Amino acid sequence: MIELTLLTLLNYVGDNFCDYRNLGHDNYKSLLLSYSDASNKFGPLEVKKVIEKSENFKVTAVAIAAIKCPQHIVK
């Protein structure tokens, strides 16, 4: 199995976040649903490990979301 990286995780979550926002869910619910999907795909321990090891997680996460669906991030 390929090691999960921060960029892989956030790109996956970013796509799902945008999809959930497009369905009308708020930011918080969309984020929780997206990480739940990532845990199902990659495994909860792998997702947790990447989050714990990452530096500047929030900045990177917001940047990816702003690129993927700026209409939901930049207001």
C-alpha atoms as a PDB file:
ATOM      1  CA  MET A   1       0.000   0.000   0.000  1.00  0.00           C
ATOM      2  CA  ILE A   2       1.233   3.484  -0.830  1.00  0.00           C
ATOM      3  CA  GLU A   3       1.778   5.748   2.156  1.00  0.00           C
ATOM      4  CA  LEU A   4      -0.927   8.374   2.500  1.00  0.00           C
ATOM      5  CA  THR A   5       0.437  11.919   2.255  1.00  0.00           C
ATOM      6  CA  LEU A   6      -1.022  15.207   3.406  1.00  0.00           C
ATOM      7  CA  LEU A   7      -1.481  16.395  -0.166  1.00  0.00           C
ATOM      8  CA  THR A   8      -3.288  13.209  -1.210  1.00  0.00           C
ATOM      9  CA  LEU A   9      -5.570  13.388   1.813  1.00  0.00           C
ATOM     10  CA  LEU A  10      -6.393  17.066   1.376  1.00  0.00           C
ATOM     11  CA  ASN A  11      -7.033  16.741  -2.354  1.00  0.00           C
ATOM     12  CA  TYR A  12      -9.458  13.892  -1.690  1.00  0.00           C
ATOM     13  CA  VAL A  13     -11.144  15.752   1.165  1.00  0.00           C
ATOM     14  CA  GLY A  14     -11.206  18.967  -0.875  1.00  0.00           C
ATOM     15  CA  ASP A  15     -13.138  17.338  -3.710  1.00  0.00           C
ATOM     16  CA  ASN A  16     -15.647  15.823  -1.306  1.00  0.00           C
ATOM     17  CA  PHE A  17     -15.927  19.054   0.685  1.00  0.00           C
ATOM     18  CA  CYS A  18     -16.905  20.934  -2.471  1.00  0.00           C
ATOM     19  CA  ASP A  19     -19.419  18.242  -3.415  1.00  0.00           C
ATOM     20  CA  TYR A  20     -21.067  18.424   0.015  1.00  0.00           C
ATOM     21  CA  ARG A  21     -21.112  22.225  -0.055  1.00  0.00           C
ATOM     22  CA  ASN A  22     -22.740  22.092  -3.493  1.00  0.00           C
ATOM     23  CA  LEU A  23     -25.466  19.913  -1.953  1.00  0.00           C
ATOM     24  CA  GLY A  24     -26.179  22.729   0.509  1.00  0.00           C
ATOM     25  CA  HIS A  25     -24.433  21.503   3.661  1.00  0.00           C
ATOM     26  CA  ASP A  26     -22.608  24.107   5.762  1.00  0.00           C
ATOM     27  CA  ASN A  27     -18.810  24.200   6.031  1.00  0.00           C
ATOM     28  CA  TYR A  28     -18.618  22.231   9.272  1.00  0.00           C
ATOM     29  CA  LYS A  29     -20.908  19.398   8.191  1.00  0.00           C
ATOM     30  CA  SER A  30     -19.216  19.222   4.795  1.00  0.00           C
ATOM     31  CA  LEU A  31     -15.819  18.973   6.457  1.00  0.00           C
ATOM     32  CA  LEU A  32     -16.920  16.208   8.823  1.00  0.00           C
ATOM     33  CA  LEU A  33     -18.537  14.225   6.026  1.00  0.00           C
ATOM     34  CA  SER A  34     -15.433  14.635   3.867  1.00  0.00           C
ATOM     35  CA  TYR A  35     -13.083  13.342   6.565  1.00  0.00           C
ATOM     36  CA  SER A  36     -15.477  10.491   7.251  1.00  0.00           C
ATOM     37  CA  ASP A  37     -15.252   9.562   3.560  1.00  0.00           C
ATOM     38  CA  ALA A  38     -11.452   9.775   3.715  1.00  0.00           C
ATOM     39  CA  SER A  39     -11.388   7.504   6.754  1.00  0.00           C
ATOM     40  CA  ASN A  40     -13.519   4.973   4.891  1.00  0.00           C
ATOM     41  CA  LYS A  41     -11.221   5.081   1.874  1.00  0.00           C
ATOM     42  CA  PHE A  42      -7.775   5.246   3.496  1.00  0.00           C
ATOM     43  CA  GLY A  43      -8.474   3.902   6.980  1.00  0.00           C
ATOM     44  CA  PRO A  44      -9.026   5.970  10.116  1.00  0.00           C
ATOM     45  CA  LEU A  45      -5.562   5.307  11.543  1.00  0.00           C
ATOM     46  CA  GLU A  46      -3.842   6.431   8.335  1.00  0.00           C
ATOM     47  CA  VAL A  47      -5.899   9.636   8.204  1.00  0.00           C
ATOM     48  CA  LYS A  48      -5.194  10.332  11.876  1.00  0.00           C
ATOM     49  CA  LYS A  49      -1.456   9.718  11.393  1.00  0.00           C
ATOM     50  CA  VAL A  50      -1.246  12.173   8.486  1.00  0.00           C
ATOM     51  CA  ILE A  51      -3.148  14.841  10.408  1.00  0.00           C
ATOM     52  CA  GLU A  52      -0.987  14.410  13.522  1.00  0.00           C
ATOM     53  CA  LYS A  53       2.298  14.588  11.576  1.00  0.00           C
ATOM     54  CA  SER A  54       1.395  17.526   9.357  1.00  0.00           C
ATOM     55  CA  GLU A  55       2.684  21.066   9.713  1.00  0.00           C
ATOM     56  CA  ASN A  56       0.576  24.042   8.616  1.00  0.00           C
ATOM     57  CA  PHE A  57      -2.411  21.745   8.170  1.00  0.00           C
ATOM     58  CA  LYS A  58      -5.022  24.504   8.316  1.00  0.00           C
ATOM     59  CA  VAL A  59      -3.247  26.742   5.811  1.00  0.00           C
ATOM     60  CA  THR A  60      -2.811  23.895   3.328  1.00  0.00           C
ATOM     61  CA  ALA A  61      -6.387  22.685   3.772  1.00  0.00           C
ATOM     62  CA  VAL A  62      -7.874  26.134   3.219  1.00  0.00           C
ATOM     63  CA  ALA A  63      -5.634  26.726   0.187  1.00  0.00           C
ATOM     64  CA  ILE A  64      -6.762  23.481  -1.467  1.00  0.00           C
ATOM     65  CA  ALA A  65     -10.427  24.191  -0.739  1.00  0.00           C
ATOM     66  CA  ALA A  66     -10.048  27.747  -2.069  1.00  0.00           C
ATOM     67  CA  ILE A  67      -8.614  26.398  -5.322  1.00  0.00           C
ATOM     68  CA  LYS A  68     -11.199  23.635  -5.726  1.00  0.00           C
ATOM     69  CA  CYS A  69     -14.334  25.597  -4.819  1.00  0.00           C
ATOM     70  CA  PRO A  70     -13.564  29.249  -4.111  1.00  0.00           C
ATOM     71  CA  GLN A  71     -17.254  30.140  -4.198  1.00  0.00           C
ATOM     72  CA  HIS A  72     -17.634  28.366  -0.850  1.00  0.00           C
ATOM     73  CA  ILE A  73     -14.437  29.647   0.789  1.00  0.00           C
ATOM     74  CA  VAL A  74     -13.890  33.224  -0.342  1.00  0.00           C
ATOM     75  CA  LYS A  75     -16.765  35.449   0.703  1.00  0.00           C
END
